């Protein structure tokens, strides 16, 4: 909410919602949570 200067907190979980949808689409093992930082996209092994 602070990033976009919104008056309410309705969009504070937007990133989490998008990450959840991405994990469903491309596989949960491809997106790694980096605690205190955010997320990392893993490259598949050849």
N, C-alpha and C. Protein backbone atom coordinates (compact mmCIF):
# COMPACT_ATOMS: atom_id res chain seq x y z
N UNK A 1 0.82 -1.19 0.00
CA UNK A 1 0.00 0.00 0.00
C UNK A 1 0.87 1.25 0.00
N UNK A 2 1.98 1.24 0.72
CA UNK A 2 2.82 2.43 0.78
C UNK A 2 3.51 2.71 -0.55
N UNK A 3 3.83 1.66 -1.29
CA UNK A 3 4.52 1.84 -2.56
C UNK A 3 3.65 2.62 -3.53
N UNK A 4 2.34 2.28 -3.57
CA UNK A 4 1.44 2.93 -4.51
C UNK A 4 0.67 4.08 -3.89
N UNK A 5 0.92 4.40 -2.62
CA UNK A 5 0.27 5.49 -1.91
C UNK A 5 -1.25 5.31 -1.85
N UNK A 6 -1.70 4.07 -1.60
CA UNK A 6 -3.13 3.80 -1.46
C UNK A 6 -3.58 4.19 -0.06
N UNK A 7 -4.82 4.63 0.03
CA UNK A 7 -5.38 5.01 1.32
C UNK A 7 -5.81 3.78 2.13
N UNK A 8 -6.14 2.69 1.46
CA UNK A 8 -6.55 1.48 2.18
C UNK A 8 -5.52 0.37 1.95
N UNK A 9 -5.69 -0.71 2.67
CA UNK A 9 -4.72 -1.81 2.58
C UNK A 9 -5.26 -2.98 1.75
N UNK A 10 -6.20 -2.73 0.85
CA UNK A 10 -6.82 -3.83 0.10
C UNK A 10 -5.85 -4.52 -0.85
N UNK A 11 -4.77 -3.86 -1.25
CA UNK A 11 -3.84 -4.45 -2.20
C UNK A 11 -2.54 -4.91 -1.60
N UNK A 12 -2.49 -5.09 -0.30
CA UNK A 12 -1.22 -5.45 0.33
C UNK A 12 -0.79 -6.88 0.05
N UNK A 13 -1.69 -7.75 -0.37
CA UNK A 13 -1.34 -9.15 -0.65
C UNK A 13 -1.32 -9.44 -2.15
N UNK A 14 -1.24 -8.41 -2.97
CA UNK A 14 -1.27 -8.57 -4.42
C UNK A 14 -0.13 -9.44 -4.92
N UNK A 15 1.08 -9.19 -4.47
CA UNK A 15 2.24 -9.97 -4.92
C UNK A 15 2.06 -11.43 -4.53
N UNK A 16 1.62 -11.68 -3.31
CA UNK A 16 1.40 -13.06 -2.86
C UNK A 16 0.38 -13.78 -3.74
N UNK A 17 -0.67 -13.08 -4.12
CA UNK A 17 -1.70 -13.67 -4.98
C UNK A 17 -1.13 -14.03 -6.34
N UNK A 18 -0.32 -13.17 -6.90
CA UNK A 18 0.28 -13.42 -8.21
C UNK A 18 1.31 -14.56 -8.14
N UNK A 19 2.09 -14.61 -7.09
CA UNK A 19 3.06 -15.70 -6.91
C UNK A 19 2.33 -17.04 -6.80
N UNK A 20 1.23 -17.06 -6.07
CA UNK A 20 0.44 -18.29 -5.93
C UNK A 20 -0.05 -18.76 -7.30
N UNK A 21 -0.56 -17.83 -8.10
CA UNK A 21 -1.05 -18.18 -9.44
C UNK A 21 0.09 -18.67 -10.33
N UNK A 22 1.24 -18.02 -10.25
CA UNK A 22 2.40 -18.45 -11.04
C UNK A 22 2.86 -19.85 -10.65
N UNK A 23 2.87 -20.12 -9.35
CA UNK A 23 3.28 -21.45 -8.89
C UNK A 23 2.35 -22.53 -9.44
N UNK A 24 1.06 -22.22 -9.52
CA UNK A 24 0.10 -23.18 -10.10
C UNK A 24 0.37 -23.39 -11.58
N UNK A 25 0.73 -22.33 -12.29
CA UNK A 25 0.91 -22.41 -13.74
C UNK A 25 2.24 -23.03 -14.15
N UNK A 26 3.33 -22.66 -13.48
CA UNK A 26 4.65 -23.12 -13.94
C UNK A 26 5.27 -24.15 -13.01
N UNK A 27 4.64 -24.42 -11.88
CA UNK A 27 5.16 -25.40 -10.94
C UNK A 27 5.77 -24.72 -9.73
N UNK A 28 5.39 -25.19 -8.57
CA UNK A 28 5.84 -24.59 -7.31
C UNK A 28 7.35 -24.66 -7.14
N UNK A 29 7.98 -25.70 -7.71
CA UNK A 29 9.43 -25.85 -7.55
C UNK A 29 10.23 -24.81 -8.32
N UNK A 30 9.60 -24.10 -9.24
CA UNK A 30 10.30 -23.09 -10.05
C UNK A 30 10.44 -21.75 -9.33
N UNK A 31 9.59 -21.49 -8.33
CA UNK A 31 9.64 -20.21 -7.61
C UNK A 31 10.03 -20.49 -6.17
N UNK A 32 11.15 -19.91 -5.77
CA UNK A 32 11.68 -20.12 -4.43
C UNK A 32 11.49 -18.84 -3.61
N UNK A 33 11.02 -19.00 -2.38
CA UNK A 33 10.88 -17.87 -1.47
C UNK A 33 12.23 -17.59 -0.82
N UNK A 34 12.68 -16.35 -0.91
CA UNK A 34 13.93 -15.92 -0.28
C UNK A 34 13.52 -15.04 0.90
N UNK A 35 13.58 -15.60 2.09
CA UNK A 35 13.10 -14.90 3.28
C UNK A 35 13.84 -13.59 3.49
N UNK A 36 13.07 -12.55 3.74
CA UNK A 36 13.63 -11.22 3.96
C UNK A 36 13.96 -10.47 2.69
N UNK A 37 13.80 -11.14 1.53
CA UNK A 37 14.14 -10.51 0.25
C UNK A 37 12.96 -10.52 -0.70
N UNK A 38 12.41 -11.70 -0.96
CA UNK A 38 11.31 -11.82 -1.91
C UNK A 38 11.26 -13.21 -2.52
N UNK A 39 11.36 -13.27 -3.84
CA UNK A 39 11.24 -14.54 -4.55
C UNK A 39 12.35 -14.67 -5.58
N UNK A 40 12.67 -15.91 -5.94
CA UNK A 40 13.67 -16.18 -6.98
C UNK A 40 13.09 -17.21 -7.92
N UNK A 41 13.32 -17.01 -9.21
CA UNK A 41 12.88 -17.96 -10.22
C UNK A 41 14.01 -18.94 -10.48
N UNK A 42 13.74 -20.21 -10.30
CA UNK A 42 14.74 -21.26 -10.49
C UNK A 42 14.74 -21.72 -11.94
N UNK A 43 15.92 -21.94 -12.49
CA UNK A 43 16.03 -22.48 -13.84
C UNK A 43 16.01 -24.00 -13.76
N UNK A 44 15.26 -24.62 -14.66
CA UNK A 44 15.20 -26.09 -14.64
C UNK A 44 16.54 -26.71 -15.04
N UNK A 45 16.84 -27.85 -14.47
CA UNK A 45 18.07 -28.56 -14.83
C UNK A 45 17.94 -29.10 -16.25
N UNK A 46 19.03 -29.09 -17.02
CA UNK A 46 18.95 -29.56 -18.42
C UNK A 46 18.71 -31.05 -18.53
